[in-house]
């Protein structure tokens, strides 16, 4: 039996109401009772994953911000953190400030935001008015957040000109044309979910042959490259489905439950 399951959150573990269904939770509990370690692996921030997993009473290890942080909830400590250089953070902050674009900065245990985020979201973050306030703060990921599709398209193109950073994930702006908000995740150039998985396995003295990954999006491809069994959601992008060993049902059809049943039978 496989020992480690790396599972994405949005579009995978949670349904389109951002909830984990009861059948999925029961399937996770069953696999944990059999000795499988469930590791949540997401582009979301660490504090978001802590809140989510505490609410549903599941998960010990969390891989957040597209693989830039590994956190042990039981030990209440970071096992790995990939800090973004301050000069990169400053350059992106200044770029967004000039164009009045919202930014979110993922830290160790909280998120920071600039003043151009939507007003209704400001209470979710510690607001930063001047970039110097982040000089000594550990930041692993920057998220562009705006309802202006033209601004995010332009900024995502310009980010490629910045040194030492990359786009880990971007909203599907072709198919999600009715979205009220678009986002783009920016991390260090040599980091992704796959690298985090490999670092985690070194810490656990484990091998990829003991691992499974379940995902739905383009930023889950690196996860697939680091495990033995690859499972794509029914709602996954075509690129991920092409790499999958098994395609389960969609996230609104309890696809993770059926994926875990498949794992249990193999």
Foldseek 3Di string as FASTA:
>chain_A
DFAEEEEEQPFTQADPVSAHDPLLLVLQVVVVVVRHAYEYAYLAAPQVVVVRCVVSVDHAWYQYNFRQWIAGNVVRDTPGHHFDALVLVQVLVVVCVVVLWKKWFHANNAIEIEPSDPPVCRVRHNYDDDSVVCNPTGTFKMKTKDQDPVVVVVVQVCSVVDPFKHWLDWDPCVVPVVDRMIMIMMGGPPGGRLVSVVVVCVVVVHAQASYEYEDAEPSCVSVLVGHDAYEYEPNHDPVSVVSHPYYFYTSVVSRSSVVSVVVVVD
